Amino acid sequence: MHRLALLALVAAALAACSPSSEKAPSGEAAASAVTVTDVLCRPTPNGRQVTGCYMTLTAPTDDTLVSIESPIAALAQVHETRMESNMMMMRELEAGLPLPAGEAVQLKPGGNHLMLHGVREPLRAGQTVPLTLTFASAAPVEVTARVGQPPAAGEDHSGH
C-alpha cells in the first residue's frame, strides 16, 4: 500500500514539473506558421518618405500575404514589378501575394516587394524596422527588418 502511495506521489511531482500543454503551441498551430527569412528594408534617400523591403516567405499550406503594417510608415503595401510597353511598372497587389504551400516566395528588387509610404523618420543603414505581416489563413507574423545598404542603380524606389 505504501508503495502505491509513493508511486502516486512521484507521478504527481513529475507531472507538476512538466511543461503544460496549454502553454506550448499545438503541432498544428506551429506547423501553420509562415516562415519569414532574410528581411531587409532599404534606407530612405534624402528627402524621400518611401522605401522598399524584401524577404523570403514560406507557408506550409497555400496562403496569401494580405497586408503589412509598420509603426514607422503611414502606409505599407505589397507591390509587384512587371514590364508593360517596355517600361518597368510597379503596382499594389490588391488581392495580396499568393504563397503556394512549401514554396519559398522571394520578395526582391525588380520583383514582388513591400513598399513603405510616408516613412516618418529617415531610415539609415544599421537601423531596424518592425513589420507585421498578415495572412489570409496563418496567424500574423511580427518581424524586425534590418536597414541595409542603398540599392544599386536601377533598384531605386525614390520616385515610386
N, C-alpha and C. Protein backbone atom coordinates (compact mmCIF):
# COMPACT_ATOMS: atom_id res chain seq x y z
N MET A 1 0.82 -1.19 0.00
CA MET A 1 0.00 0.00 0.00
C MET A 1 0.87 1.27 0.00
N HIS A 2 1.92 1.27 0.83
CA HIS A 2 2.82 2.41 0.87
C HIS A 2 3.51 2.61 -0.47
N ARG A 3 3.79 1.49 -1.12
CA ARG A 3 4.44 1.56 -2.42
C ARG A 3 3.54 2.27 -3.44
N LEU A 4 2.26 1.97 -3.44
CA LEU A 4 1.31 2.59 -4.35
C LEU A 4 1.19 4.08 -4.06
N ALA A 5 1.17 4.47 -2.81
CA ALA A 5 1.09 5.89 -2.43
C ALA A 5 2.36 6.61 -2.86
N LEU A 6 3.50 5.96 -2.68
CA LEU A 6 4.78 6.56 -3.08
C LEU A 6 4.84 6.76 -4.59
N LEU A 7 4.36 5.79 -5.37
CA LEU A 7 4.33 5.92 -6.83
C LEU A 7 3.40 7.06 -7.25
N ALA A 8 2.27 7.19 -6.62
CA ALA A 8 1.33 8.26 -6.94
C ALA A 8 1.96 9.62 -6.64
N LEU A 9 2.67 9.72 -5.51
CA LEU A 9 3.33 10.96 -5.14
C LEU A 9 4.42 11.33 -6.15
N VAL A 10 5.22 10.35 -6.58
CA VAL A 10 6.26 10.59 -7.58
C VAL A 10 5.64 11.02 -8.90
N ALA A 11 4.58 10.37 -9.32
CA ALA A 11 3.90 10.72 -10.57
C ALA A 11 3.35 12.14 -10.52
N ALA A 12 2.78 12.52 -9.39
CA ALA A 12 2.25 13.87 -9.25
C ALA A 12 3.37 14.90 -9.30
N ALA A 13 4.49 14.60 -8.65
CA ALA A 13 5.63 15.52 -8.66
C ALA A 13 6.18 15.68 -10.07
N LEU A 14 6.30 14.60 -10.81
CA LEU A 14 6.79 14.67 -12.19
C LEU A 14 5.83 15.46 -13.07
N ALA A 15 4.55 15.26 -12.89
CA ALA A 15 3.55 15.99 -13.68
C ALA A 15 3.63 17.48 -13.39
N ALA A 16 3.88 17.85 -12.14
CA ALA A 16 3.99 19.27 -11.79
C ALA A 16 5.21 19.91 -12.41
N CYS A 17 6.26 19.15 -12.63
CA CYS A 17 7.49 19.68 -13.22
C CYS A 17 7.44 19.74 -14.74
N SER A 18 6.52 19.04 -15.34
CA SER A 18 6.42 19.00 -16.80
C SER A 18 5.76 20.27 -17.31
N PRO A 19 6.17 20.78 -18.48
CA PRO A 19 5.50 21.96 -19.02
C PRO A 19 4.07 21.64 -19.39
N SER A 20 3.21 22.62 -19.19
CA SER A 20 1.79 22.46 -19.50
C SER A 20 1.58 22.44 -21.01
N SER A 21 0.73 21.57 -21.47
CA SER A 21 0.44 21.51 -22.91
C SER A 21 -0.37 22.72 -23.35
N GLU A 22 -1.00 23.43 -22.40
CA GLU A 22 -1.76 24.62 -22.76
C GLU A 22 -0.82 25.77 -23.16
N LYS A 23 0.37 25.80 -22.58
CA LYS A 23 1.30 26.89 -22.88
C LYS A 23 2.06 26.65 -24.17
N ALA A 24 2.29 25.44 -24.54
CA ALA A 24 3.05 25.12 -25.76
C ALA A 24 2.10 25.15 -26.95
N PRO A 25 2.54 25.68 -28.09
CA PRO A 25 1.67 25.66 -29.26
C PRO A 25 1.44 24.23 -29.72
N SER A 26 0.24 23.99 -30.21
CA SER A 26 -0.06 22.65 -30.70
C SER A 26 0.73 22.40 -31.96
N GLY A 27 0.90 21.14 -32.31
CA GLY A 27 1.64 20.80 -33.53
C GLY A 27 1.04 21.45 -34.75
N GLU A 28 -0.28 21.51 -34.82
CA GLU A 28 -0.96 22.09 -35.98
C GLU A 28 -0.73 23.60 -36.04
N ALA A 29 -0.82 24.30 -34.89
CA ALA A 29 -0.62 25.75 -34.88
C ALA A 29 0.81 26.10 -35.24
N ALA A 30 1.77 25.36 -34.69
CA ALA A 30 3.17 25.63 -35.00
C ALA A 30 3.46 25.33 -36.47
N ALA A 31 2.87 24.29 -37.00
CA ALA A 31 3.11 23.90 -38.39
C ALA A 31 2.48 24.88 -39.37
N SER A 32 1.44 25.63 -38.95
CA SER A 32 0.74 26.52 -39.88
C SER A 32 1.38 27.90 -39.95
N ALA A 33 2.42 28.16 -39.17
CA ALA A 33 3.06 29.47 -39.18
C ALA A 33 3.85 29.66 -40.48
N VAL A 34 3.81 30.87 -41.00
CA VAL A 34 4.59 31.22 -42.18
C VAL A 34 6.00 31.58 -41.72
N THR A 35 7.00 31.01 -42.37
CA THR A 35 8.39 31.29 -42.05
C THR A 35 8.84 32.50 -42.85
N VAL A 36 9.50 33.45 -42.18
CA VAL A 36 9.96 34.68 -42.81
C VAL A 36 11.47 34.78 -42.55
N THR A 37 12.26 34.89 -43.63
CA THR A 37 13.71 35.00 -43.51
C THR A 37 14.25 36.12 -44.38
N ASP A 38 15.50 36.48 -44.15
CA ASP A 38 16.23 37.46 -44.99
C ASP A 38 15.48 38.78 -45.13
N VAL A 39 15.01 39.33 -44.01
CA VAL A 39 14.20 40.55 -44.02
C VAL A 39 15.11 41.78 -44.07
N LEU A 40 14.90 42.62 -45.08
CA LEU A 40 15.73 43.80 -45.30
C LEU A 40 14.87 44.94 -45.83
N CYS A 41 15.05 46.13 -45.28
CA CYS A 41 14.45 47.35 -45.85
C CYS A 41 15.60 48.25 -46.28
N ARG A 42 15.37 49.01 -47.33
CA ARG A 42 16.39 49.91 -47.85
C ARG A 42 16.34 51.25 -47.10
N PRO A 43 17.48 51.92 -46.99
CA PRO A 43 17.49 53.27 -46.42
C PRO A 43 16.64 54.19 -47.29
N THR A 44 16.12 55.26 -46.69
CA THR A 44 15.36 56.23 -47.48
C THR A 44 16.33 57.25 -48.07
N PRO A 45 16.21 57.53 -49.36
CA PRO A 45 17.05 58.58 -49.95
C PRO A 45 16.70 59.92 -49.29
N ASN A 46 17.64 60.84 -49.28
CA ASN A 46 17.41 62.16 -48.68
C ASN A 46 16.15 62.80 -49.24
N GLY A 47 15.31 63.29 -48.34
CA GLY A 47 14.09 63.99 -48.74
C GLY A 47 12.95 63.08 -49.17
N ARG A 48 13.13 61.78 -49.14
CA ARG A 48 12.08 60.85 -49.58
C ARG A 48 11.45 60.14 -48.39
N GLN A 49 10.21 59.76 -48.53
CA GLN A 49 9.49 59.06 -47.46
C GLN A 49 8.97 57.71 -47.94
N VAL A 50 9.66 57.12 -48.92
CA VAL A 50 9.25 55.85 -49.50
C VAL A 50 10.46 54.92 -49.52
N THR A 51 10.22 53.65 -49.22
CA THR A 51 11.30 52.66 -49.33
C THR A 51 10.72 51.29 -49.63
N GLY A 52 11.58 50.41 -50.10
CA GLY A 52 11.20 49.03 -50.37
C GLY A 52 11.77 48.09 -49.33
N CYS A 53 11.05 47.00 -49.08
CA CYS A 53 11.50 45.96 -48.16
C CYS A 53 11.41 44.62 -48.87
N TYR A 54 12.31 43.72 -48.50
CA TYR A 54 12.43 42.44 -49.18
C TYR A 54 12.57 41.32 -48.15
N MET A 55 12.19 40.10 -48.53
CA MET A 55 12.27 38.96 -47.62
C MET A 55 11.92 37.70 -48.39
N THR A 56 12.03 36.57 -47.72
CA THR A 56 11.59 35.30 -48.27
C THR A 56 10.52 34.73 -47.34
N LEU A 57 9.38 34.33 -47.92
CA LEU A 57 8.25 33.78 -47.18
C LEU A 57 8.01 32.34 -47.60
N THR A 58 7.79 31.46 -46.62
CA THR A 58 7.46 30.08 -46.91
C THR A 58 6.28 29.67 -46.04
N ALA A 59 5.17 29.33 -46.69
CA ALA A 59 3.96 28.91 -45.98
C ALA A 59 3.83 27.39 -46.08
N PRO A 60 3.44 26.71 -44.99
CA PRO A 60 3.30 25.26 -45.03
C PRO A 60 2.08 24.80 -45.83
N THR A 61 1.08 25.67 -45.94
CA THR A 61 -0.11 25.39 -46.73
C THR A 61 -0.37 26.59 -47.63
N ASP A 62 -1.16 26.43 -48.67
CA ASP A 62 -1.48 27.56 -49.54
C ASP A 62 -2.02 28.71 -48.69
N ASP A 63 -1.51 29.89 -48.91
CA ASP A 63 -1.93 31.06 -48.14
C ASP A 63 -1.72 32.30 -49.00
N THR A 64 -2.01 33.47 -48.44
CA THR A 64 -1.82 34.73 -49.13
C THR A 64 -1.37 35.78 -48.14
N LEU A 65 -0.31 36.52 -48.48
CA LEU A 65 0.08 37.69 -47.69
C LEU A 65 -0.89 38.79 -48.08
N VAL A 66 -1.74 39.21 -47.14
CA VAL A 66 -2.79 40.17 -47.48
C VAL A 66 -2.49 41.60 -47.08
N SER A 67 -1.67 41.80 -46.04
CA SER A 67 -1.35 43.17 -45.66
C SER A 67 -0.10 43.22 -44.81
N ILE A 68 0.44 44.43 -44.70
CA ILE A 68 1.63 44.71 -43.90
C ILE A 68 1.36 45.98 -43.13
N GLU A 69 1.89 46.06 -41.92
CA GLU A 69 1.82 47.28 -41.13
C GLU A 69 3.18 47.54 -40.52
N SER A 70 3.49 48.82 -40.32
CA SER A 70 4.69 49.20 -39.62
C SER A 70 4.44 50.54 -38.93
N PRO A 71 4.84 50.67 -37.67
CA PRO A 71 4.63 51.94 -36.98
C PRO A 71 5.49 53.08 -37.53
N ILE A 72 6.46 52.77 -38.38
CA ILE A 72 7.33 53.82 -38.91
C ILE A 72 6.81 54.42 -40.21
N ALA A 73 5.69 53.87 -40.75
CA ALA A 73 5.17 54.34 -42.03
C ALA A 73 3.66 54.56 -41.96
N ALA A 74 3.19 55.52 -42.73
CA ALA A 74 1.75 55.79 -42.79
C ALA A 74 1.01 54.69 -43.54
N LEU A 75 1.68 54.06 -44.51
CA LEU A 75 1.05 53.05 -45.36
C LEU A 75 2.08 52.02 -45.79
N ALA A 76 1.68 50.76 -45.80
CA ALA A 76 2.55 49.68 -46.29
C ALA A 76 1.74 48.84 -47.26
N GLN A 77 2.36 48.45 -48.38
CA GLN A 77 1.66 47.71 -49.42
C GLN A 77 2.55 46.61 -49.99
N VAL A 78 1.90 45.57 -50.52
CA VAL A 78 2.58 44.53 -51.28
C VAL A 78 2.53 44.98 -52.74
N HIS A 79 3.68 45.06 -53.39
CA HIS A 79 3.76 45.52 -54.78
C HIS A 79 4.34 44.45 -55.68
N GLU A 80 3.96 44.53 -56.95
CA GLU A 80 4.60 43.71 -57.97
C GLU A 80 5.28 44.64 -58.95
N THR A 81 6.31 44.13 -59.59
CA THR A 81 7.01 44.85 -60.64
C THR A 81 6.86 44.02 -61.91
N ARG A 82 6.46 44.67 -62.99
CA ARG A 82 6.35 43.95 -64.26
C ARG A 82 6.57 44.92 -65.42
N MET A 83 6.87 44.34 -66.55
CA MET A 83 7.10 45.13 -67.75
C MET A 83 5.78 45.35 -68.48
N GLU A 84 5.51 46.62 -68.83
CA GLU A 84 4.35 46.98 -69.63
C GLU A 84 4.82 47.99 -70.67
N SER A 85 4.60 47.70 -71.94
CA SER A 85 5.00 48.59 -73.03
C SER A 85 6.48 49.00 -72.89
N ASN A 86 7.32 48.02 -72.64
CA ASN A 86 8.76 48.23 -72.49
C ASN A 86 9.15 49.15 -71.34
N MET A 87 8.25 49.29 -70.37
CA MET A 87 8.55 50.09 -69.18
C MET A 87 8.31 49.23 -67.94
N MET A 88 9.20 49.36 -66.96
CA MET A 88 9.02 48.65 -65.71
C MET A 88 7.98 49.41 -64.88
N MET A 89 6.92 48.72 -64.51
CA MET A 89 5.82 49.33 -63.75
C MET A 89 5.67 48.62 -62.41
N MET A 90 5.36 49.39 -61.37
CA MET A 90 5.09 48.83 -60.06
C MET A 90 3.67 49.19 -59.67
N ARG A 91 2.99 48.21 -59.07
CA ARG A 91 1.63 48.48 -58.60
C ARG A 91 1.31 47.57 -57.43
N GLU A 92 0.34 48.00 -56.65
CA GLU A 92 -0.07 47.23 -55.49
C GLU A 92 -0.78 45.95 -55.92
N LEU A 93 -0.50 44.87 -55.22
CA LEU A 93 -1.23 43.61 -55.40
C LEU A 93 -2.42 43.67 -54.45
N GLU A 94 -3.53 44.21 -54.94
CA GLU A 94 -4.68 44.46 -54.08
C GLU A 94 -5.26 43.18 -53.47
N ALA A 95 -5.15 42.06 -54.17
CA ALA A 95 -5.66 40.79 -53.65
C ALA A 95 -4.62 40.07 -52.79
N GLY A 96 -3.44 40.68 -52.63
CA GLY A 96 -2.39 40.08 -51.83
C GLY A 96 -1.44 39.24 -52.68
N LEU A 97 -0.45 38.68 -52.00
CA LEU A 97 0.58 37.88 -52.66
C LEU A 97 0.35 36.41 -52.36
N PRO A 98 0.07 35.59 -53.38
CA PRO A 98 -0.13 34.15 -53.16
C PRO A 98 1.15 33.49 -52.65
N LEU A 99 0.99 32.58 -51.69
CA LEU A 99 2.09 31.80 -51.15
C LEU A 99 1.76 30.33 -51.32
N PRO A 100 2.25 29.69 -52.38
CA PRO A 100 1.98 28.27 -52.58
C PRO A 100 2.62 27.43 -51.47
N ALA A 101 1.95 26.38 -51.06
CA ALA A 101 2.40 25.52 -49.96
C ALA A 101 3.82 25.04 -50.18
N GLY A 102 4.68 25.25 -49.17
CA GLY A 102 6.03 24.73 -49.18
C GLY A 102 7.00 25.41 -50.13
N GLU A 103 6.55 26.41 -50.86
CA GLU A 103 7.40 27.08 -51.85
C GLU A 103 7.93 28.39 -51.28
N ALA A 104 9.24 28.60 -51.34
CA ALA A 104 9.83 29.86 -50.88
C ALA A 104 9.50 30.95 -51.88
N VAL A 105 8.80 31.99 -51.42
CA VAL A 105 8.43 33.12 -52.27
C VAL A 105 9.34 34.28 -51.89
N GLN A 106 10.14 34.71 -52.84
CA GLN A 106 11.12 35.74 -52.58
C GLN A 106 10.59 37.11 -52.99
N LEU A 107 10.65 38.07 -52.07
CA LEU A 107 10.36 39.46 -52.37
C LEU A 107 11.71 40.12 -52.57
N LYS A 108 11.93 40.72 -53.75
CA LYS A 108 13.27 41.22 -54.09
C LYS A 108 13.19 42.41 -55.03
N PRO A 109 14.28 43.17 -55.12
CA PRO A 109 14.30 44.30 -56.07
C PRO A 109 14.02 43.80 -57.48
N GLY A 110 13.20 44.54 -58.22
CA GLY A 110 12.86 44.16 -59.58
C GLY A 110 11.76 43.12 -59.66
N GLY A 111 11.24 42.69 -58.53
CA GLY A 111 10.15 41.70 -58.48
C GLY A 111 9.11 42.13 -57.46
N ASN A 112 8.42 41.18 -56.89
CA ASN A 112 7.47 41.49 -55.84
C ASN A 112 8.25 42.02 -54.64
N HIS A 113 7.67 43.00 -53.93
CA HIS A 113 8.34 43.62 -52.80
C HIS A 113 7.31 44.33 -51.93
N LEU A 114 7.74 44.80 -50.78
CA LEU A 114 6.89 45.60 -49.92
C LEU A 114 7.28 47.06 -50.08
N MET A 115 6.30 47.95 -50.07
CA MET A 115 6.57 49.39 -50.14
C MET A 115 6.07 50.03 -48.85
N LEU A 116 6.92 50.85 -48.25
CA LEU A 116 6.53 51.66 -47.10
C LEU A 116 6.42 53.09 -47.58
N HIS A 117 5.24 53.68 -47.43
CA HIS A 117 4.97 55.05 -47.85
C HIS A 117 4.78 55.92 -46.61
N GLY A 118 5.18 57.17 -46.69
CA GLY A 118 5.02 58.09 -45.57
C GLY A 118 5.90 57.69 -44.39
N VAL A 119 7.14 57.30 -44.69
CA VAL A 119 8.09 56.93 -43.64
C VAL A 119 8.32 58.17 -42.78
N ARG A 120 8.07 58.03 -41.48
CA ARG A 120 8.04 59.17 -40.57
C ARG A 120 9.42 59.78 -40.28
N GLU A 121 10.45 58.96 -40.21
CA GLU A 121 11.82 59.41 -39.96
C GLU A 121 12.73 58.75 -40.99
N PRO A 122 13.79 59.43 -41.42
CA PRO A 122 14.70 58.82 -42.39
C PRO A 122 15.25 57.48 -41.87
N LEU A 123 15.34 56.51 -42.75
CA LEU A 123 15.91 55.21 -42.40
C LEU A 123 17.36 55.18 -42.85
N ARG A 124 18.24 54.80 -41.94
CA ARG A 124 19.67 54.73 -42.22
C ARG A 124 20.17 53.30 -42.02
N ALA A 125 21.20 52.94 -42.76
CA ALA A 125 21.79 51.61 -42.64
C ALA A 125 22.14 51.33 -41.18
N GLY A 126 21.83 50.12 -40.75
CA GLY A 126 22.12 49.70 -39.38
C GLY A 126 20.92 49.79 -38.46
N GLN A 127 19.88 50.56 -38.83
CA GLN A 127 18.67 50.63 -38.02
C GLN A 127 17.83 49.38 -38.25
N THR A 128 16.74 49.28 -37.51
CA THR A 128 15.78 48.19 -37.71
C THR A 128 14.38 48.75 -37.89
N VAL A 129 13.54 47.96 -38.54
CA VAL A 129 12.17 48.35 -38.84
C VAL A 129 11.24 47.23 -38.41
N PRO A 130 10.27 47.49 -37.52
CA PRO A 130 9.29 46.46 -37.17
C PRO A 130 8.22 46.36 -38.25
N LEU A 131 7.88 45.13 -38.63
CA LEU A 131 6.84 44.87 -39.63
C LEU A 131 5.91 43.80 -39.09
N THR A 132 4.61 43.97 -39.33
CA THR A 132 3.64 42.93 -39.01
C THR A 132 3.02 42.47 -40.31
N LEU A 133 3.16 41.18 -40.61
CA LEU A 133 2.64 40.59 -41.84
C LEU A 133 1.35 39.85 -41.51
N THR A 134 0.30 40.12 -42.25
CA THR A 134 -1.00 39.47 -42.03
C THR A 134 -1.32 38.59 -43.23
N PHE A 135 -1.76 37.37 -42.92
CA PHE A 135 -2.04 36.36 -43.95
C PHE A 135 -3.52 36.01 -43.96
N ALA A 136 -3.98 35.44 -45.06
CA ALA A 136 -5.38 35.04 -45.18
C ALA A 136 -5.72 33.95 -44.18
N SER A 137 -4.81 33.00 -43.95
CA SER A 137 -5.10 31.86 -43.07
C SER A 137 -4.20 31.80 -41.84
N ALA A 138 -2.92 31.95 -42.02
CA ALA A 138 -1.97 31.81 -40.91
C ALA A 138 -2.06 33.00 -39.97
N ALA A 139 -1.57 32.81 -38.77
CA ALA A 139 -1.51 33.88 -37.78
C ALA A 139 -0.56 34.97 -38.25
N PRO A 140 -0.80 36.22 -37.84
CA PRO A 140 0.13 37.29 -38.21
C PRO A 140 1.53 36.99 -37.70
N VAL A 141 2.52 37.50 -38.42
CA VAL A 141 3.92 37.31 -38.04
C VAL A 141 4.55 38.69 -37.87
N GLU A 142 5.20 38.89 -36.72
CA GLU A 142 5.93 40.12 -36.48
C GLU A 142 7.41 39.86 -36.71
N VAL A 143 8.03 40.70 -37.55
CA VAL A 143 9.45 40.55 -37.85
C VAL A 143 10.14 41.89 -37.67
N THR A 144 11.45 41.84 -37.54
CA THR A 144 12.26 43.04 -37.48
C THR A 144 13.20 43.01 -38.67
N ALA A 145 13.04 43.99 -39.55
CA ALA A 145 13.89 44.09 -40.73
C ALA A 145 15.09 44.95 -40.40
N ARG A 146 16.23 44.56 -40.90
CA ARG A 146 17.39 45.44 -40.76
C ARG A 146 17.38 46.37 -41.97
N VAL A 147 17.89 47.57 -41.76
CA VAL A 147 18.01 48.52 -42.86
C VAL A 147 19.38 48.30 -43.48
N GLY A 148 19.37 47.96 -44.78
CA GLY A 148 20.60 47.61 -45.48
C GLY A 148 21.15 48.77 -46.29
N GLN A 149 22.18 48.48 -47.06
CA GLN A 149 22.85 49.49 -47.87
C GLN A 149 21.94 49.96 -49.00
N PRO A 150 22.19 51.15 -49.52
CA PRO A 150 21.37 51.67 -50.61
C PRO A 150 21.36 50.73 -51.81
N PRO A 151 20.26 50.72 -52.57
CA PRO A 151 20.17 49.83 -53.73
C PRO A 151 21.14 50.24 -54.83
N ALA A 152 21.49 49.27 -55.63
CA ALA A 152 22.32 49.53 -56.80
C ALA A 152 21.52 50.30 -57.84
N ALA A 153 22.16 50.86 -58.82
CA ALA A 153 21.47 51.60 -59.89
C ALA A 153 20.38 50.73 -60.50
N GLY A 154 19.24 51.32 -60.74
CA GLY A 154 18.12 50.58 -61.32
C GLY A 154 17.20 49.98 -60.28
N GLU A 155 17.59 50.01 -59.01
CA GLU A 155 16.75 49.46 -57.96
C GLU A 155 16.17 50.55 -57.06
N ASP A 156 16.38 51.81 -57.39
CA ASP A 156 15.96 52.92 -56.55
C ASP A 156 14.44 53.07 -56.57
N HIS A 157 13.83 53.12 -55.39
CA HIS A 157 12.39 53.31 -55.25
C HIS A 157 12.02 54.76 -54.94
N SER A 158 12.97 55.68 -55.04
CA SER A 158 12.72 57.03 -54.58
C SER A 158 11.66 57.76 -55.39
N GLY A 159 11.47 57.40 -56.64
CA GLY A 159 10.46 58.07 -57.45
C GLY A 159 9.14 57.34 -57.47
N HIS A 160 9.02 56.33 -56.67
CA HIS A 160 7.83 55.47 -56.67
C HIS A 160 6.73 56.06 -55.85
